[in-house]
N, C-alpha and C. Protein backbone atom coordinates (compact mmCIF):
# COMPACT_ATOMS: atom_id res chain seq x y z
N MET A 1 132.18 101.90 100.80
CA MET A 1 131.13 101.27 101.62
C MET A 1 129.72 102.10 101.48
N VAL A 2 129.82 103.42 101.50
CA VAL A 2 128.60 104.15 101.38
C VAL A 2 128.09 104.07 99.87
N GLN A 3 129.02 103.88 98.94
CA GLN A 3 128.56 103.69 97.50
C GLN A 3 127.78 102.38 97.38
N ARG A 4 128.34 101.40 98.05
CA ARG A 4 127.72 100.09 97.89
C ARG A 4 126.21 100.17 98.64
N LEU A 5 126.30 100.76 99.68
CA LEU A 5 124.99 100.88 100.49
C LEU A 5 123.96 101.70 99.61
N THR A 6 124.32 102.82 99.17
CA THR A 6 123.48 103.54 98.13
C THR A 6 123.01 102.79 97.04
N THR A 7 123.87 101.97 96.48
CA THR A 7 123.52 101.13 95.28
C THR A 7 122.44 100.12 95.60
N ALA A 8 122.75 99.46 96.90
CA ALA A 8 121.79 98.42 97.38
C ALA A 8 120.44 99.09 97.62
N VAL A 9 120.36 100.33 98.27
CA VAL A 9 119.21 100.90 98.65
C VAL A 9 118.35 101.26 97.30
N LEU A 10 119.17 101.83 96.30
CA LEU A 10 118.39 102.16 94.99
C LEU A 10 117.93 100.95 94.32
N LEU A 11 118.69 99.80 94.36
CA LEU A 11 118.28 98.51 93.56
C LEU A 11 117.05 98.05 94.49
N LEU A 12 116.96 98.01 95.72
CA LEU A 12 115.76 97.49 96.43
C LEU A 12 114.60 98.41 96.25
N ALA A 13 114.92 99.61 96.19
CA ALA A 13 113.72 100.58 95.92
C ALA A 13 113.13 100.38 94.51
N SER A 14 114.07 100.09 93.47
CA SER A 14 113.56 99.78 92.21
C SER A 14 112.76 98.61 92.08
N ILE A 15 113.23 97.53 92.78
CA ILE A 15 112.51 96.32 92.90
C ILE A 15 111.08 96.50 93.56
N PHE A 16 111.07 97.19 94.57
CA PHE A 16 109.80 97.36 95.37
C PHE A 16 108.89 98.18 94.36
N HIS A 17 109.42 99.24 93.82
CA HIS A 17 108.55 100.15 92.97
C HIS A 17 107.97 99.22 91.70
N TRP A 18 108.85 98.47 90.98
CA TRP A 18 108.31 97.53 90.00
C TRP A 18 107.33 96.49 90.52
N SER A 19 107.56 95.92 91.64
CA SER A 19 106.63 94.78 92.07
C SER A 19 105.19 95.44 92.28
N CYS A 20 105.25 96.71 92.82
CA CYS A 20 103.99 97.32 93.25
C CYS A 20 103.24 97.78 92.03
N GLN A 21 104.08 98.17 90.83
CA GLN A 21 103.43 98.74 89.59
C GLN A 21 102.70 97.54 88.86
N ASN A 22 103.35 96.30 89.06
CA ASN A 22 102.71 95.17 88.08
C ASN A 22 101.67 94.36 88.79
N LYS A 23 101.18 94.70 89.90
CA LYS A 23 100.09 93.91 90.53
C LYS A 23 98.80 94.40 89.94
N GLN A 24 98.02 93.34 89.57
CA GLN A 24 96.76 93.65 88.81
C GLN A 24 95.59 93.36 89.86
N MET A 25 94.57 94.00 89.78
CA MET A 25 93.46 93.66 90.63
C MET A 25 92.83 92.35 90.11
N PRO A 26 92.28 91.51 91.00
CA PRO A 26 91.71 90.20 90.60
C PRO A 26 90.58 90.56 89.66
N GLU A 27 90.24 89.74 88.65
CA GLU A 27 89.27 89.74 87.68
C GLU A 27 87.94 89.57 88.30
N ASP A 28 86.98 90.43 87.99
CA ASP A 28 85.65 90.24 88.44
C ASP A 28 84.75 89.48 87.55
N ALA A 29 84.59 88.21 87.86
CA ALA A 29 83.99 87.28 86.94
C ALA A 29 82.58 87.81 86.47
N SER A 30 81.89 88.64 87.31
CA SER A 30 80.46 89.09 86.92
C SER A 30 80.48 89.98 85.65
N VAL A 31 81.72 90.50 85.36
CA VAL A 31 81.80 91.40 84.15
C VAL A 31 81.52 90.75 82.88
N TRP A 32 81.94 89.32 82.80
CA TRP A 32 81.76 88.53 81.62
C TRP A 32 80.24 88.37 81.49
N ASN A 33 79.26 88.67 82.48
CA ASN A 33 77.97 88.48 82.08
C ASN A 33 77.42 89.60 81.04
N LYS A 34 78.22 90.60 80.83
CA LYS A 34 78.01 91.57 79.85
C LYS A 34 78.26 91.22 78.42
N VAL A 35 79.12 90.12 78.21
CA VAL A 35 79.73 89.84 76.97
C VAL A 35 78.94 88.62 76.44
N SER A 36 78.22 88.85 75.40
CA SER A 36 77.40 87.83 74.57
C SER A 36 78.13 87.40 73.28
N VAL A 37 79.38 86.92 73.49
CA VAL A 37 80.13 86.36 72.35
C VAL A 37 80.73 85.08 72.79
N ASN A 38 80.56 84.12 71.89
CA ASN A 38 80.88 82.78 72.23
C ASN A 38 82.42 82.67 72.05
N LEU A 39 83.20 82.79 73.03
CA LEU A 39 84.67 82.75 73.04
C LEU A 39 85.34 81.31 72.91
N SER A 40 84.57 80.43 73.28
CA SER A 40 85.01 79.12 73.09
C SER A 40 85.17 78.61 71.73
N ARG A 41 84.74 79.27 70.78
CA ARG A 41 85.04 78.90 69.32
C ARG A 41 86.15 79.58 68.56
N LEU A 42 86.72 80.49 69.42
CA LEU A 42 87.82 81.32 68.90
C LEU A 42 89.26 80.70 69.31
N ASP A 43 90.10 80.90 68.37
CA ASP A 43 91.57 80.32 68.62
C ASP A 43 92.23 81.43 69.41
N GLU A 44 93.60 81.20 69.56
CA GLU A 44 94.46 82.21 70.26
C GLU A 44 94.67 83.43 69.62
N ASN A 45 94.32 83.56 68.19
CA ASN A 45 94.41 84.70 67.46
C ASN A 45 93.06 85.49 67.38
N GLY A 46 92.10 84.92 68.05
CA GLY A 46 90.73 85.56 68.01
C GLY A 46 89.89 85.26 66.77
N LEU A 47 90.32 84.07 66.13
CA LEU A 47 89.66 83.65 64.79
C LEU A 47 88.73 82.39 65.10
N ALA A 48 87.74 82.34 64.13
CA ALA A 48 86.85 81.24 64.48
C ALA A 48 86.73 80.49 63.09
N GLY A 49 86.36 79.21 62.94
CA GLY A 49 86.10 78.45 61.82
C GLY A 49 87.13 77.48 61.50
N PRO A 50 87.09 76.82 60.46
CA PRO A 50 87.92 75.64 60.01
C PRO A 50 89.34 76.30 59.59
N SER A 51 90.31 75.40 59.72
CA SER A 51 91.68 75.84 59.52
C SER A 51 91.95 76.48 58.11
N ASN A 52 91.11 76.09 57.25
CA ASN A 52 91.26 76.67 55.85
C ASN A 52 90.40 77.80 55.63
N GLY A 53 89.71 78.32 56.68
CA GLY A 53 88.64 79.41 56.36
C GLY A 53 88.48 80.17 57.71
N LYS A 54 89.46 80.49 58.50
CA LYS A 54 89.30 81.22 59.71
C LYS A 54 88.94 82.64 59.43
N VAL A 55 88.05 83.17 60.39
CA VAL A 55 87.50 84.56 60.24
C VAL A 55 87.48 85.22 61.59
N ALA A 56 87.71 86.47 61.55
CA ALA A 56 87.47 87.33 62.87
C ALA A 56 86.00 87.36 63.10
N VAL A 57 85.78 87.52 64.52
CA VAL A 57 84.42 87.87 64.94
C VAL A 57 84.30 89.22 65.39
N ASN A 58 83.30 90.00 64.92
CA ASN A 58 83.07 91.33 65.25
C ASN A 58 81.96 91.32 66.30
N TYR A 59 82.07 92.35 67.16
CA TYR A 59 81.30 92.64 68.29
C TYR A 59 80.74 93.96 68.28
N GLU A 60 79.76 94.27 68.97
CA GLU A 60 79.27 95.78 68.96
C GLU A 60 78.68 95.93 70.47
N PHE A 61 78.74 97.38 70.75
CA PHE A 61 78.07 97.86 72.05
C PHE A 61 77.95 99.31 71.93
N CYS A 62 77.29 99.86 72.84
CA CYS A 62 76.95 101.32 72.69
C CYS A 62 77.72 101.89 73.80
N ILE A 63 77.99 103.12 73.48
CA ILE A 63 78.77 104.21 74.59
C ILE A 63 77.95 105.48 74.52
N PRO A 64 77.98 106.32 75.57
CA PRO A 64 77.41 107.55 75.45
C PRO A 64 78.17 108.54 74.39
N ALA A 65 77.43 109.18 73.62
CA ALA A 65 77.85 110.12 72.51
C ALA A 65 78.67 111.12 72.92
N ASN A 66 79.92 110.90 73.47
CA ASN A 66 80.76 111.96 73.71
C ASN A 66 82.31 111.43 73.53
N ASP A 67 83.24 112.43 73.23
CA ASP A 67 84.65 112.07 72.89
C ASP A 67 85.44 111.51 74.03
N LYS A 68 85.06 111.89 75.25
CA LYS A 68 85.78 111.39 76.45
C LYS A 68 85.62 109.68 76.53
N HIS A 69 84.44 109.39 76.25
CA HIS A 69 84.14 107.90 76.39
C HIS A 69 84.73 107.17 75.01
N TRP A 70 84.60 107.96 73.96
CA TRP A 70 85.29 107.28 72.69
C TRP A 70 86.64 107.13 72.90
N LYS A 71 87.37 108.14 73.31
CA LYS A 71 88.85 108.01 73.47
C LYS A 71 89.12 106.93 74.50
N ALA A 72 88.45 106.75 75.54
CA ALA A 72 88.65 105.61 76.63
C ALA A 72 88.59 104.24 75.80
N VAL A 73 87.57 104.29 75.01
CA VAL A 73 87.33 102.88 74.24
C VAL A 73 88.50 102.71 73.19
N GLN A 74 88.91 103.71 72.67
CA GLN A 74 90.13 103.57 71.56
C GLN A 74 91.44 103.09 72.34
N ARG A 75 91.57 103.54 73.64
CA ARG A 75 92.77 103.13 74.24
C ARG A 75 92.74 101.70 74.50
N ILE A 76 91.56 101.22 74.86
CA ILE A 76 91.48 99.85 75.14
C ILE A 76 91.59 98.99 73.85
N ASP A 77 90.69 99.34 72.87
CA ASP A 77 90.43 98.52 71.78
C ASP A 77 90.99 99.30 70.36
N THR A 78 92.08 98.81 69.87
CA THR A 78 92.57 99.52 68.57
C THR A 78 91.87 99.28 67.35
N THR A 79 90.90 98.17 67.44
CA THR A 79 90.01 97.80 66.22
C THR A 79 88.73 98.57 66.36
N ALA A 80 88.48 99.25 67.43
CA ALA A 80 87.12 99.93 67.67
C ALA A 80 86.84 100.92 66.47
N GLN A 81 85.65 100.86 65.99
CA GLN A 81 85.15 101.79 64.87
C GLN A 81 83.79 102.30 65.36
N LYS A 82 83.70 103.76 65.25
CA LYS A 82 82.54 104.47 65.75
C LYS A 82 81.51 104.58 64.50
N MET A 83 80.31 104.07 64.75
CA MET A 83 79.27 104.05 63.74
C MET A 83 78.02 105.02 64.32
N ALA A 84 78.50 106.44 64.43
CA ALA A 84 77.53 107.23 64.96
C ALA A 84 76.35 107.29 64.01
N GLY A 85 75.18 107.39 64.60
CA GLY A 85 73.86 107.46 63.89
C GLY A 85 73.28 106.17 63.64
N SER A 86 74.03 105.10 63.79
CA SER A 86 73.46 103.77 63.57
C SER A 86 73.06 103.10 64.81
N PRO A 87 71.94 102.53 65.11
CA PRO A 87 71.60 101.84 66.40
C PRO A 87 72.27 100.46 66.35
N GLY A 88 72.69 99.81 65.22
CA GLY A 88 73.20 98.54 65.26
C GLY A 88 72.17 97.47 65.76
N ARG A 89 72.41 96.22 65.71
CA ARG A 89 71.38 95.30 66.17
C ARG A 89 71.25 95.35 67.79
N ILE A 90 72.21 95.94 68.42
CA ILE A 90 72.14 96.06 69.84
C ILE A 90 71.09 97.04 70.26
N GLY A 91 70.94 98.12 69.35
CA GLY A 91 69.78 99.19 69.69
C GLY A 91 70.34 100.42 70.37
N CYS A 92 71.34 101.01 70.01
CA CYS A 92 71.78 102.18 70.57
C CYS A 92 70.64 103.33 70.38
N ASP A 93 70.65 104.15 71.37
CA ASP A 93 69.58 105.31 71.33
C ASP A 93 70.33 106.46 70.56
N LYS A 94 69.56 107.52 70.48
CA LYS A 94 70.18 108.73 69.71
C LYS A 94 71.21 109.40 70.57
N GLN A 95 71.29 109.05 71.98
CA GLN A 95 72.33 109.63 72.70
C GLN A 95 73.52 108.80 72.87
N SER A 96 73.58 107.86 72.10
CA SER A 96 74.68 106.87 72.07
C SER A 96 75.32 106.63 70.67
N TRP A 97 76.54 106.17 70.72
CA TRP A 97 77.27 105.77 69.58
C TRP A 97 77.33 104.22 69.44
N LEU A 98 77.15 103.71 68.38
CA LEU A 98 77.49 102.26 68.09
C LEU A 98 79.06 102.09 67.95
N ILE A 99 79.56 101.13 68.65
CA ILE A 99 80.91 100.94 68.50
C ILE A 99 81.04 99.39 67.96
N VAL A 100 81.94 99.13 66.95
CA VAL A 100 82.23 97.77 66.50
C VAL A 100 83.70 97.55 66.50
N GLY A 101 83.92 96.31 67.13
CA GLY A 101 85.38 95.90 67.26
C GLY A 101 85.52 94.49 66.69
N SER A 102 86.80 94.08 66.75
CA SER A 102 87.09 92.68 66.19
C SER A 102 87.88 91.84 67.19
N THR A 103 87.74 90.53 67.29
CA THR A 103 88.44 89.78 68.10
C THR A 103 89.88 89.52 67.54
N HIS A 104 90.02 89.81 66.17
CA HIS A 104 91.34 89.46 65.64
C HIS A 104 92.37 90.55 66.05
N GLN A 105 92.82 90.48 67.28
CA GLN A 105 93.84 91.32 67.77
C GLN A 105 94.46 90.77 68.92
N PRO A 106 95.67 91.19 69.47
CA PRO A 106 96.43 90.58 70.50
C PRO A 106 95.51 90.71 71.79
N ASN A 107 95.52 89.71 72.62
CA ASN A 107 94.76 89.77 73.87
C ASN A 107 93.40 90.20 73.76
N TYR A 108 92.65 89.52 72.79
CA TYR A 108 91.42 89.96 72.57
C TYR A 108 90.39 89.74 73.70
N LYS A 109 90.70 88.77 74.63
CA LYS A 109 89.94 88.49 75.78
C LYS A 109 90.01 89.61 76.82
N ARG A 110 91.21 89.90 76.95
CA ARG A 110 91.53 91.16 77.91
C ARG A 110 90.71 92.42 77.40
N VAL A 111 90.86 92.53 76.06
CA VAL A 111 90.18 93.79 75.46
C VAL A 111 88.63 93.69 75.82
N LEU A 112 88.04 92.56 75.58
CA LEU A 112 86.65 92.45 75.78
C LEU A 112 86.39 92.60 77.25
N TYR A 113 87.13 92.09 78.25
CA TYR A 113 86.94 92.22 79.62
C TYR A 113 87.03 93.63 80.00
N ASP A 114 88.17 94.31 79.35
CA ASP A 114 88.38 95.75 79.71
C ASP A 114 87.04 96.64 79.30
N LEU A 115 86.73 96.34 78.17
CA LEU A 115 85.59 97.19 77.56
C LEU A 115 84.33 96.97 78.47
N ALA A 116 84.07 95.68 78.84
CA ALA A 116 82.84 95.27 79.59
C ALA A 116 83.01 95.86 81.07
N SER A 117 84.18 95.96 81.32
CA SER A 117 84.40 96.77 82.76
C SER A 117 84.02 98.15 82.81
N LEU A 118 83.88 98.91 81.64
CA LEU A 118 83.49 100.18 81.76
C LEU A 118 82.11 100.32 82.15
N THR A 119 81.81 101.17 83.04
CA THR A 119 80.50 101.32 83.70
C THR A 119 79.47 101.71 82.79
N TYR A 120 79.76 102.46 81.63
CA TYR A 120 78.74 102.90 80.70
C TYR A 120 78.62 101.90 79.48
N VAL A 121 79.27 100.82 79.52
CA VAL A 121 79.00 99.69 78.48
C VAL A 121 78.07 98.77 79.09
N ALA A 122 76.76 98.61 78.72
CA ALA A 122 75.79 97.81 79.39
C ALA A 122 75.86 96.25 78.82
N LYS A 123 76.24 96.09 77.53
CA LYS A 123 76.43 94.85 77.07
C LYS A 123 77.32 94.84 75.80
N ILE A 124 77.90 93.82 75.52
CA ILE A 124 78.75 93.57 74.20
C ILE A 124 78.16 92.36 73.51
N GLN A 125 77.86 92.35 72.36
CA GLN A 125 77.22 91.17 71.62
C GLN A 125 77.92 91.09 70.32
N GLU A 126 77.83 89.86 69.76
CA GLU A 126 78.36 89.49 68.49
C GLU A 126 77.56 90.28 67.44
N THR A 127 78.32 90.79 66.36
CA THR A 127 77.82 91.46 65.26
C THR A 127 77.49 90.31 64.06
N PHE A 128 76.48 90.35 63.41
CA PHE A 128 76.22 89.50 62.39
C PHE A 128 75.83 90.43 61.15
N TRP A 129 76.83 90.33 60.32
CA TRP A 129 76.81 91.26 59.06
C TRP A 129 75.87 90.46 58.08
N GLU A 130 75.11 91.30 57.34
CA GLU A 130 74.16 90.73 56.29
C GLU A 130 74.53 91.24 54.99
């Protein structure tokens, strides 16, 4: 009897713990105002263009030039590349690093949202390579 009760209590505690861990905060729609990338033209894989010529879309943003912020960005976006010293089209200043990422990754919309949610990311815009 005691063993069954202990098992039941442990099972309920596990279920309660799991349900609390998986709750996400509701999305703040205003965060999307920082993103200037036309997501409507992208497919589920983050690719744009005709079926016989799909391409990834790159985006850029600035972060303060320090490793703490860079590591936070890397945890969110595995495609992120640091272009220290380049202002990019977005116009990073000398105290900032240009970061370039790609939509061709799993959950690219969530990645963009999470990047835009960072307080030190002012805007994210599409990169146009020349």
